[in-house]
Protein backbone atom coordinates (compact mmCIF):
# COMPACT_ATOMS: atom_id res chain seq x y z
CA MET A 1 29.97 -1.58 -23.85
CA ARG A 2 29.75 -0.65 -19.80
CA LEU A 3 28.05 2.25 -19.97
CA ARG A 4 25.79 0.95 -22.87
CA ALA A 5 24.49 -1.47 -20.41
CA THR A 6 23.97 0.15 -17.89
CA SER A 7 21.98 2.60 -19.69
CA ILE A 8 19.74 -0.11 -21.19
CA ILE A 9 19.48 -1.34 -17.43
CA LEU A 10 18.29 1.92 -16.43
CA ILE A 11 15.67 2.27 -19.28
CA LEU A 12 13.97 -0.72 -18.39
CA ILE A 13 14.28 0.24 -14.88
CA ALA A 14 12.43 3.05 -15.31
CA ALA A 15 9.88 1.90 -18.08
CA LEU A 16 8.95 -0.93 -15.38
CA TYR A 17 7.84 0.97 -12.88
CA ALA A 18 6.36 3.96 -14.95
CA ALA A 19 4.15 1.07 -16.00
CA MET A 20 3.48 0.11 -12.58
CA SER A 21 2.13 3.56 -11.72
CA TYR A 22 0.91 3.91 -15.02
CA ILE A 23 -1.78 1.10 -14.06
CA THR A 24 -2.34 1.97 -10.61
CA PRO A 25 -5.82 3.72 -10.02
CA LEU A 26 -6.62 6.45 -8.16
CA TYR A 27 -7.30 5.23 -4.59
CA LEU A 28 -6.70 6.43 -0.49
CA ASP A 29 -5.50 9.81 0.08
CA ASP A 30 -5.71 10.51 -3.96
CA TRP A 31 -9.51 11.20 -3.27
CA GLY A 32 -9.05 12.87 0.02
CA TYR A 33 -6.89 15.68 -1.75
CA MET A 34 -9.49 15.74 -4.41
CA SER A 35 -12.47 16.08 -2.03
CA VAL A 36 -10.53 18.95 -0.67
CA TRP A 37 -9.97 20.83 -3.57
CA ARG A 38 -13.31 20.60 -4.82
CA ASP A 39 -15.37 20.64 -1.80
CA ASP A 40 -13.57 22.63 0.50
CA VAL A 41 -11.50 25.29 -1.53
CA GLY A 42 -14.18 25.27 -4.00
CA GLY A 43 -11.67 24.68 -6.78
CA GLY A 44 -12.77 23.94 -10.63
CA SER A 45 -10.08 24.84 -13.66
CA PHE A 46 -6.81 25.39 -12.38
CA SER A 47 -5.23 28.88 -10.97
CA LEU A 48 -2.61 29.65 -8.98
CA SER A 49 -4.65 31.75 -6.54
CA THR A 50 -7.15 28.39 -5.69
CA LEU A 51 -3.61 26.39 -5.24
CA ALA A 52 -2.59 28.73 -2.88
CA ARG A 53 -6.08 28.46 -1.03
CA TYR A 54 -6.05 24.94 -1.33
CA ALA A 55 -2.15 24.31 0.43
CA GLU A 56 -2.89 26.68 2.85
CA TYR A 57 -6.08 24.22 4.07
CA VAL A 58 -3.81 21.40 3.38
CA ARG A 59 -1.58 23.21 6.02
CA GLY A 60 -4.10 23.57 8.65
CA PHE A 61 -5.95 20.48 8.34
CA ASP A 62 -2.92 17.93 7.47
CA ASN A 63 0.61 18.83 6.82
CA GLY A 64 2.52 21.18 4.47
CA ARG A 65 4.37 18.99 2.64
CA ILE A 66 5.54 20.00 -1.16
CA PRO A 67 3.83 17.05 -2.64
CA ASN A 68 0.59 17.18 -0.37
CA ILE A 69 0.00 21.15 -1.09
CA THR A 70 0.65 20.33 -4.49
CA ALA A 71 -1.18 17.42 -4.64
CA PRO A 72 -3.50 18.77 -7.40
CA LEU A 73 -0.90 18.94 -10.18
CA GLU A 74 -0.16 15.29 -10.37
CA SER A 75 -4.25 14.00 -9.68
CA ILE A 76 -6.31 15.88 -11.46
CA PHE A 77 -4.77 18.54 -13.88
CA SER A 78 -3.27 18.05 -17.14
CA PRO A 79 -0.53 17.77 -18.22
CA GLY A 80 1.20 16.68 -14.50
CA ARG A 81 -1.78 13.92 -14.00
CA GLU A 82 -0.60 12.06 -17.27
CA LEU A 83 2.82 12.57 -17.20
CA PHE A 84 3.48 11.56 -12.91
CA PRO A 85 3.59 7.94 -13.83
CA LEU A 86 6.60 8.60 -15.82
CA PHE A 87 8.43 10.72 -14.21
CA THR A 88 7.61 7.96 -11.17
CA GLY A 89 9.98 5.46 -13.28
CA LEU A 90 12.71 7.89 -14.34
CA LEU A 91 12.73 8.83 -10.11
CA LEU A 92 12.74 5.68 -9.07
CA ALA A 93 15.46 4.59 -11.96
CA LEU A 94 17.53 7.71 -11.28
CA SER A 95 17.02 6.84 -7.16
CA ILE A 96 18.49 3.00 -8.14
CA TRP A 97 21.40 4.52 -10.22
CA PHE A 98 22.44 7.24 -6.94
CA ALA A 99 22.24 4.50 -4.70
CA LEU A 100 24.69 2.60 -6.51
CA ARG A 101 27.22 5.99 -6.85
CA PHE A 102 26.85 6.16 -3.51
CA ALA A 103 27.68 2.56 -2.54
CA SER A 104 30.44 2.10 -5.32
CA SER A 105 32.71 4.10 -6.90
CA ARG A 106 33.30 1.60 -10.03
CA PRO A 107 29.83 1.03 -11.15
CA SER A 108 29.30 -1.76 -13.72
CA ALA A 109 26.22 -3.42 -14.77
CA LEU A 110 26.69 -6.35 -12.36
CA ARG A 111 26.30 -3.82 -9.82
CA LEU A 112 23.13 -2.03 -10.80
CA VAL A 113 21.13 -5.07 -11.18
CA VAL A 114 22.51 -6.05 -7.47
CA MET A 115 21.31 -2.50 -6.36
CA TRP A 116 17.85 -3.22 -7.98
CA ALA A 117 17.77 -6.83 -6.48
CA PHE A 118 17.95 -5.09 -2.56
CA PHE A 119 15.55 -2.19 -3.58
CA ILE A 120 12.85 -5.08 -4.95
CA LEU A 121 13.60 -7.24 -1.46
CA PHE A 122 14.03 -4.52 1.17
CA ILE A 123 12.10 -1.29 0.56
CA HIS A 124 8.58 -1.50 1.64
CA TRP A 125 6.88 -1.57 -1.75
CA ARG A 126 4.04 -3.85 -0.17
CA ASP A 127 2.58 -0.52 1.89
CA THR A 128 0.59 1.10 -1.44
CA LEU A 129 3.77 3.24 -2.70
CA PHE A 130 2.36 3.32 -6.30
CA GLU A 131 -0.65 4.97 -5.15
CA ARG A 132 0.06 8.46 -6.27
CA ILE A 133 0.31 10.56 -3.50
CA TYR A 134 2.36 7.74 -1.66
CA SER A 135 4.63 7.91 -4.63
CA PHE A 136 4.79 11.67 -4.31
CA ASN A 137 5.77 11.72 -0.93
CA TYR A 138 7.99 8.57 -0.75
CA ILE A 139 9.78 7.99 -4.08
CA TRP A 140 9.99 11.11 -4.87
CA ALA A 141 11.63 12.55 -1.92
CA GLY A 142 14.09 9.30 -2.37
CA ALA A 143 15.05 10.92 -5.29
CA VAL A 144 15.21 14.72 -3.93
CA THR A 145 17.00 13.56 -1.81
CA LEU A 146 19.23 11.72 -3.13
CA LEU A 147 20.27 14.59 -5.24
CA PHE A 148 20.64 16.94 -2.73
CA LEU A 149 23.12 14.92 -1.09
CA TRP A 150 24.84 14.19 -4.42
CA LEU A 151 25.42 17.72 -4.97
CA LEU A 152 26.78 18.40 -1.81
CA ARG A 153 28.96 15.85 -1.95
CA ARG A 154 30.08 16.94 -4.95
CA GLY A 155 30.24 20.46 -4.11
CA GLU A 156 32.97 19.29 -1.35
CA ARG A 157 34.80 17.46 -3.78
CA GLN A 158 35.44 20.52 -5.71
CA GLY A 159 35.36 22.65 -2.62
CA GLY A 160 37.82 21.09 -0.35
CA SER A 161 36.35 20.10 2.81
CA SER A 162 39.17 20.74 5.68
CA GLY A 163 38.02 24.52 6.46
CA SER A 164 38.32 26.18 3.24
CA ASP A 165 35.61 27.49 0.78
CA ASN A 166 37.09 27.12 -2.16
CA ARG A 167 40.15 24.94 -2.34
CA ARG A 168 39.82 23.73 -6.09
CA GLY A 169 37.31 26.42 -7.22
CA SER A 170 33.98 24.84 -6.26
CA SER A 171 31.37 26.53 -9.14
CA PRO A 172 29.06 28.94 -8.38
CA TRP A 173 26.16 26.96 -10.44
CA LEU A 174 26.53 24.05 -8.52
CA PHE A 175 26.38 25.89 -5.36
CA ALA A 176 22.95 27.43 -6.52
CA ALA A 177 22.13 24.10 -7.32
CA THR A 178 22.85 22.73 -4.16
CA LEU A 179 21.04 25.45 -2.30
CA VAL A 180 17.83 24.89 -4.73
CA MET A 181 17.96 21.26 -4.08
CA ALA A 182 18.09 21.42 -0.16
CA PHE A 183 14.62 24.10 -0.17
CA LEU A 184 13.01 21.50 -2.14
CA ALA A 185 14.42 18.67 -0.28
CA GLY A 186 13.90 19.81 3.02
CA GLY A 187 10.42 21.01 2.31
CA TRP A 188 9.47 17.40 0.61
CA HIS A 189 8.91 15.42 3.62
CA GLU A 190 10.15 16.09 7.21
CA ALA A 191 11.19 12.77 8.56
CA PHE A 192 12.99 12.28 5.48
CA ALA A 193 14.67 15.70 6.21
CA ALA A 194 14.92 14.96 9.92
CA ALA A 195 16.89 11.82 9.68
CA THR A 196 19.27 13.19 6.92
CA LEU A 197 20.45 16.27 8.83
CA CYS A 198 21.75 13.65 11.71
CA GLY A 199 23.54 11.95 9.21
CA LEU A 200 24.76 15.01 7.99
CA PHE A 201 25.15 16.22 11.79
CA LEU A 202 27.24 12.78 12.33
CA LEU A 203 29.27 13.36 8.87
CA ALA A 204 30.21 16.62 10.52
CA ALA A 205 31.42 15.69 14.13
CA THR A 206 33.33 12.90 12.87
CA ARG A 207 35.11 15.04 10.85
CA ARG A 208 35.48 17.67 13.44
CA PHE A 209 33.25 19.66 11.68
CA ARG A 210 36.24 21.01 9.02
CA LEU A 211 33.87 21.21 6.36
CA SER A 212 33.21 23.81 3.94
CA GLY A 213 31.34 27.07 4.73
CA ARG A 214 29.42 26.04 1.47
CA PHE A 215 28.60 22.61 2.88
CA TYR A 216 27.02 24.38 6.28
CA ALA A 217 25.35 26.70 4.10
CA ALA A 218 23.16 24.08 2.26
CA VAL A 219 22.36 22.17 5.01
CA ALA A 220 21.15 25.39 7.20
CA VAL A 221 18.76 25.78 3.89
CA TYR A 222 18.16 21.96 3.65
CA PHE A 223 16.97 23.02 7.89
CA ILE A 224 15.13 25.90 7.26
CA ALA A 225 13.37 24.40 4.61
CA MET A 226 12.07 21.80 6.65
CA LEU A 227 10.96 23.88 9.60
CA ILE A 228 8.87 26.38 6.77
CA PHE A 229 7.09 23.46 5.21
CA ALA A 230 7.01 21.29 8.73
CA LEU A 231 5.94 23.49 11.21
CA SER A 232 2.06 23.66 9.51
CA PRO A 233 -0.82 23.48 12.16
CA GLY A 234 -1.85 19.81 10.84
CA MET A 235 1.53 18.56 11.45
CA LEU A 236 1.84 19.88 14.73
CA ARG A 237 -1.51 18.50 15.38
CA ARG A 238 -0.35 15.29 13.70
CA LEU A 239 2.67 14.64 15.74
CA GLY A 240 0.56 15.36 18.83
CA SER A 241 -1.62 12.44 17.98
CA SER A 242 1.58 9.94 16.53
CA MET A 243 4.16 10.06 19.09
CA GLY A 244 2.72 7.19 21.17
CA GLY A 245 5.70 5.64 22.18
CA PRO A 246 7.51 2.72 21.46
CA GLN A 247 5.42 0.59 18.11
CA TRP A 248 6.27 -2.93 19.79
CA HIS A 249 3.46 -4.18 17.62
CA LEU A 250 5.58 -3.32 14.38
CA SER A 251 6.49 -6.89 12.27
CA TRP A 252 10.38 -7.75 11.97
CA LYS A 253 9.85 -7.64 8.47
CA TYR A 254 9.65 -3.68 8.94
CA PHE A 255 13.23 -3.89 9.68
CA LEU A 256 14.57 -7.06 7.54
CA VAL A 257 17.27 -4.59 5.74
CA VAL A 258 18.94 -3.78 9.25
CA TYR A 259 19.24 -7.55 9.78
CA VAL A 260 20.91 -8.17 6.63
CA PHE A 261 23.30 -5.52 7.32
CA GLY A 262 24.20 -6.54 10.10
CA LEU A 263 24.92 -10.03 9.27
CA THR A 264 27.34 -8.35 6.97
CA VAL A 265 28.98 -6.20 9.15
CA VAL A 266 29.24 -9.87 11.57
CA CYS A 267 30.92 -12.17 8.56
CA LEU A 268 33.23 -9.07 7.91
CA LEU A 269 34.44 -9.01 11.69
CA LEU A 270 35.49 -12.76 11.60
CA SER A 271 38.21 -12.06 8.74
CA ARG A 272 41.33 -9.55 9.00
CA LYS A 273 40.27 -8.84 5.66
CA GLY A 274 36.58 -8.15 6.26
CA ARG A 275 37.91 -5.61 9.58
CA GLY A 276 39.96 -4.07 6.71
CA VAL A 277 36.99 -3.27 4.94
CA LEU A 278 34.87 -1.98 7.96
CA LEU A 279 37.71 0.17 8.71
CA GLU A 280 37.67 1.59 5.47
CA ALA A 281 34.05 2.19 5.33
CA LEU A 282 34.40 4.14 8.62
CA ARG A 283 36.40 6.48 6.42
CA SER A 284 34.02 7.16 4.35
CA ASP A 285 31.66 10.26 4.25
CA VAL A 286 28.51 8.05 2.54
CA PHE A 287 29.01 5.37 5.16
CA ILE A 288 29.16 7.78 8.01
CA VAL A 289 25.44 9.84 6.78
CA CYS A 290 23.98 6.77 6.32
CA LEU A 291 24.87 5.19 9.48
CA GLY A 292 23.10 8.11 10.82
CA ILE A 293 20.17 8.26 8.56
CA MET A 294 19.64 4.57 9.53
CA ALA A 295 19.66 5.43 13.05
CA ALA A 296 17.48 8.65 13.29
CA GLY A 297 14.98 7.10 10.34
CA PHE A 298 14.41 3.51 12.07
CA ALA A 299 14.25 5.36 15.63
CA ILE A 300 11.70 8.06 14.35
CA GLY A 301 9.59 5.21 12.55
CA PHE A 302 9.61 3.08 15.64
CA LEU A 303 8.30 5.63 17.63
CA THR A 304 5.72 6.86 15.56
CA ALA A 305 4.70 4.69 12.34
CA ASN A 306 1.94 3.06 11.82
CA THR A 307 2.89 1.87 8.13
CA PRO A 308 5.48 0.13 6.49
CA ARG A 309 6.48 3.36 4.19
CA SER A 310 7.40 5.16 7.19
CA PHE A 311 10.55 3.24 6.95
CA TYR A 312 11.31 4.03 3.08
CA TRP A 313 14.41 6.34 3.51
CA PRO A 314 15.85 4.50 6.09
CA SER A 315 15.51 1.47 4.55
CA LEU A 316 17.37 2.91 1.56
CA ALA A 317 20.12 4.10 3.62
CA ALA A 318 20.72 0.73 4.61
CA ILE A 319 21.10 -0.78 1.12
CA VAL A 320 23.67 1.78 0.19
CA ALA A 321 25.71 0.95 3.52
CA THR A 322 25.45 -2.67 3.18
CA LEU A 323 26.45 -2.74 -0.53
CA LEU A 324 28.96 -0.49 0.00
CA LEU A 325 30.22 -2.90 2.40
CA ILE A 326 29.72 -5.98 -0.33
CA PHE A 327 31.43 -4.01 -2.75
CA ARG A 328 34.15 -3.48 -1.17
CA MET A 329 35.00 -6.86 -0.64
CA PRO A 330 38.04 -8.09 -2.65
CA LEU A 331 35.52 -10.92 -4.77
CA ARG A 332 36.63 -11.86 -8.54
CA LEU A 333 34.71 -13.14 -10.98
CA SER A 334 35.87 -13.91 -14.36
CA PRO A 335 34.19 -11.82 -17.70
CA LEU A 336 31.84 -14.84 -18.31
CA ALA A 337 30.86 -14.98 -14.74
CA ARG A 338 29.71 -11.37 -14.41
CA ARG A 339 28.32 -11.34 -17.53
CA LEU A 340 25.86 -14.41 -16.72
CA SER A 341 25.44 -13.13 -13.30
CA THR A 342 24.06 -9.51 -14.47
CA LEU A 343 21.79 -11.42 -17.27
CA ALA A 344 20.57 -13.76 -14.65
CA ILE A 345 19.76 -11.11 -12.16
CA ALA A 346 18.31 -8.86 -14.47
CA GLY A 347 16.09 -11.59 -15.64
CA LEU A 348 14.62 -12.25 -11.96
CA CYS A 349 14.30 -8.75 -10.92
CA THR A 350 12.46 -8.06 -14.60
CA ALA A 351 10.57 -11.56 -14.16
CA GLN A 352 9.14 -10.28 -10.84
CA THR A 353 8.52 -6.33 -11.72
CA ALA A 354 6.26 -7.82 -14.98
CA LEU A 355 4.35 -10.16 -12.45
CA ALA A 356 3.30 -7.57 -10.16
CA ILE A 357 2.46 -5.32 -12.82
CA TYR A 358 0.34 -7.69 -14.33
CA TRP A 359 -1.43 -8.74 -10.91
CA GLN A 360 -1.57 -4.77 -10.60
CA ALA A 361 -3.37 -4.25 -14.11
CA ARG A 362 -6.08 -7.45 -13.19
CA TYR A 363 -7.19 -5.72 -9.93
CA THR A 364 -7.01 -2.45 -11.40
CA GLU A 365 -9.44 -3.57 -14.05
CA ASP A 366 -11.57 -4.92 -10.93
CA PHE A 367 -11.20 -1.78 -9.66
CA ASN A 368 -12.39 0.35 -12.88
CA ARG A 369 -15.48 -1.83 -12.91
CA ILE A 370 -16.62 -1.75 -9.45
CA MET A 371 -15.67 2.78 -9.83
CA ALA A 372 -17.68 2.22 -13.10
CA LEU A 373 -21.02 0.67 -10.67
CA LEU A 374 -19.88 3.24 -8.12
CA GLU A 375 -20.91 6.05 -10.30
CA GLU A 376 -24.21 4.35 -11.77
CA SER A 377 -25.17 3.75 -7.89
CA GLU A 378 -27.63 5.74 -5.85
CA THR A 379 -27.11 3.99 -2.55
CA GLY A 380 -23.47 3.88 -2.80
CA THR A 381 -23.54 -0.15 -2.29
CA VAL A 382 -22.56 -2.24 -5.17
CA PHE A 383 -22.71 -5.95 -5.84
CA TYR A 384 -19.54 -7.57 -7.22
CA ASP A 385 -17.88 -10.78 -7.17
CA SER A 386 -14.15 -10.24 -8.04
CA PRO A 387 -12.55 -13.62 -10.45
CA ASN A 388 -9.46 -12.54 -8.51
CA PRO A 389 -7.65 -13.62 -5.62
CA LEU A 390 -8.03 -11.31 -2.58
CA TYR A 391 -4.51 -11.67 -2.08
CA PRO A 392 -1.77 -11.57 -5.09
CA PRO A 393 0.92 -14.51 -5.48
CA LYS A 394 3.91 -14.38 -2.50
CA ALA A 395 6.46 -13.43 -5.58
CA THR A 396 4.71 -10.18 -6.10
CA LEU A 397 5.96 -9.30 -2.82
CA GLY A 398 2.54 -7.52 -2.40
CA ILE A 399 3.78 -4.61 -4.41
CA PRO A 400 0.36 -4.78 -6.26
CA TYR A 401 -2.62 -2.99 -4.22
CA ALA A 402 -5.29 -5.86 -4.34
CA ASN A 403 -7.29 -4.85 -1.17
CA ALA A 404 -8.79 -1.59 -1.59
CA TRP A 405 -12.33 -2.80 -1.03
CA ARG A 406 -11.42 -4.25 2.63
CA SER A 407 -9.77 -1.28 3.46
CA PRO A 408 -11.84 1.21 5.97
CA PHE A 409 -10.26 4.81 4.55
CA HIS A 410 -10.19 4.18 1.28
CA TYR A 411 -14.16 3.48 1.68
CA HIS A 412 -14.03 7.15 4.13
CA LEU A 413 -12.39 8.96 1.53
CA LEU A 414 -14.54 7.61 -1.37
CA TRP A 415 -17.70 8.48 0.88
CA GLN A 416 -16.33 12.28 1.21
CA TRP A 417 -16.69 12.08 -3.07
CA TYR A 418 -19.54 11.04 -3.72
CA MET A 419 -21.52 11.33 -0.29
CA THR A 420 -23.80 8.18 -0.70
CA PRO A 421 -26.09 7.26 2.12
CA VAL A 422 -23.51 4.29 2.34
CA ILE A 423 -20.22 3.01 0.73
CA GLY A 424 -20.04 -0.60 0.38
CA VAL A 425 -18.47 -3.59 -2.27
CA VAL A 426 -20.11 -6.63 -1.04
CA PRO A 427 -20.80 -10.42 -3.29
CA SER A 428 -23.83 -10.69 -5.44
CA ASP A 429 -25.14 -12.78 -3.17
CA LEU A 430 -26.08 -10.34 -0.83
CA ARG A 431 -28.46 -8.09 -3.18
CA ASP A 432 -31.64 -9.84 -1.31
CA ALA A 433 -30.31 -10.82 2.01
CA ASP A 434 -32.41 -11.58 4.44
CA LEU A 435 -31.55 -11.98 7.95
CA SER A 436 -34.59 -14.27 9.17
CA GLU A 437 -32.95 -16.59 6.27
CA GLY A 438 -29.11 -17.22 7.93
CA GLN A 439 -28.10 -19.54 10.72
CA PRO A 440 -26.90 -18.09 13.58
CA SER A 441 -22.93 -17.26 13.70
CA ALA A 442 -20.51 -18.13 16.95
CA GLN A 443 -17.88 -16.01 14.98
CA VAL A 444 -18.92 -12.30 15.19
CA PRO A 445 -22.28 -11.43 17.71
CA ARG A 446 -25.62 -11.02 16.14
CA ALA A 447 -24.55 -12.21 12.93
CA VAL A 448 -25.93 -15.04 10.92
CA ASN A 449 -24.57 -16.89 7.77
CA TYR A 450 -26.43 -16.24 4.81
CA ARG A 451 -25.04 -18.31 1.55
CA GLY A 452 -21.70 -18.46 3.40
CA HIS A 453 -21.34 -14.85 4.33
CA LEU A 454 -21.62 -13.23 7.36
CA ILE A 455 -24.06 -10.68 7.48
CA ALA A 456 -25.55 -8.67 10.92
CA PRO A 457 -28.28 -5.74 11.40
CA TYR A 458 -26.41 -2.50 10.96
CA GLU A 459 -25.21 -0.38 13.93
CA ARG A 460 -23.08 2.66 13.46
CA LEU A 461 -19.51 0.64 13.33
CA ASP A 462 -17.45 4.54 14.21
CA THR A 463 -18.75 6.72 16.76
CA THR A 464 -15.98 9.29 16.18
CA ILE A 465 -17.30 10.14 12.50
CA HIS A 466 -20.91 11.09 11.43
CA MET A 467 -20.84 8.96 8.20
CA ILE A 468 -21.55 5.34 7.45
CA VAL A 469 -19.03 3.59 6.60
CA PRO A 470 -16.82 -0.05 6.88
CA ALA A 471 -14.84 -0.48 10.16
CA TYR A 472 -12.32 -3.43 11.56
CA ARG A 473 -14.24 -5.97 13.98
CA TYR A 474 -13.88 -9.17 15.01
CA ASP A 475 -11.01 -9.60 12.61
CA ARG A 476 -12.62 -8.57 9.60
CA VAL A 477 -13.96 -5.63 7.50
CA ALA A 478 -18.03 -4.70 8.71
CA ILE A 479 -19.20 -2.84 5.92
CA PRO A 480 -22.28 -1.41 5.49
CA PHE A 481 -24.53 -2.31 2.28
CA ILE A 482 -28.24 -1.64 1.06
CA THR A 483 -29.84 -4.43 -0.20
CA VAL A 484 -32.41 -4.01 -3.18
CA GLY A 485 -35.44 -4.14 -0.60
CA GLY A 486 -33.81 -1.17 1.10
CA ASP A 487 -32.65 -2.69 4.01
CA THR A 488 -29.31 -1.43 5.84
CA LEU A 489 -27.12 -4.23 7.02
CA ILE A 490 -23.45 -4.77 7.52
CA TYR A 491 -21.41 -7.43 5.58
CA TYR A 492 -18.01 -8.87 7.66
CA ALA A 493 -15.92 -9.38 5.01
CA PRO A 494 -12.79 -12.19 5.90
CA LEU A 495 -9.16 -10.18 5.40
């Protein structure tokens, strides 16, 4: 019964997140990598030689991560393009399951939905994680790394971890699978790998380095793969520009799960039984590795991050560490209470995710209409009034991506694809905008209020690039557009 309940929940999770991935349109970096395939390497139909040229080009200007050098497989070509949402849903469900198996030696339906709830609350979904290339870089990276760690742990349990290479006869097939996953996980995302290596080093140090030779062989492959894929010319340039010192401007929300973990530890320290739980956890290999990942991952993010998704992996480790402590507390619930709690939490998680899917579907419908109009526009200007609010309800936790048309980066990448005179989506009232008919505005220099919208004469918004694309100005997004009369103006859109 327990297995059947957990299986049903996992299928539900996979289906919901596959649906979310499926209805999320291509935007942001997806268009950038498609432009590279079409324009920079002359890609047409798929071939291994063209994919190799594409991978080499991406390594040179961006980075060498496996998801980035294989991006056309998930955004351009069949069957990867069609199957990607399905695999994203499956891998997210597997991530939740593996996280539960690390946090609890006795997985149950109740503990599974609690883990799901923690994922919903503390993973930084609001940072466009269902955009395809971001899913590929973060959701998939988390699943691949969790699988590698699970195989590594299983090998240690089979083979012994006190200096013996084979205490109980570790399977050679298991070791081979561990090495393959070590290579894949190491090359998937360098920040995941660096933080995980710190966690594994901390484990080895606390065990006085008396772990099996197979453990060190797998970690060596993991480390070498990280170096091979991370030390690309593009990545070295990115590291030079991103290491800007402590990012004090980061929101406290980025570290919310750390506060929950700290509060859990403090509560445990207040009682004798709680302190016993902490001491027991400190003897757990999983807890030690999670502490290392948390320390290194949040430090890396704090020193380099510009976006919340940089904290995906240490946040996941913090979730595992927190629930490992909570699940070890001596809490007793009756069978009826467990069933009711499972149903209630599962119902809330399903409702929240379904609400996010509903709003993503609404914003995707808007997006597709705008893209159809953009295909027909000779100037790159689209006059469109959205029936949807600028931001979805707070109950969606920001999971739907609603503000693509308030993102200068998105406009930049679309301009690379369409190469129109401008790229701009503005209200229909501005179709025949005339600066002489507006009232001067005190909010933005040189701007006038025209039919309730701030517009201004055109000026180059970004002198670092030779294109007419939007930019952030005066706490707004300055969007160039061309009226039906041929005048190039700027619309200052609210954020």
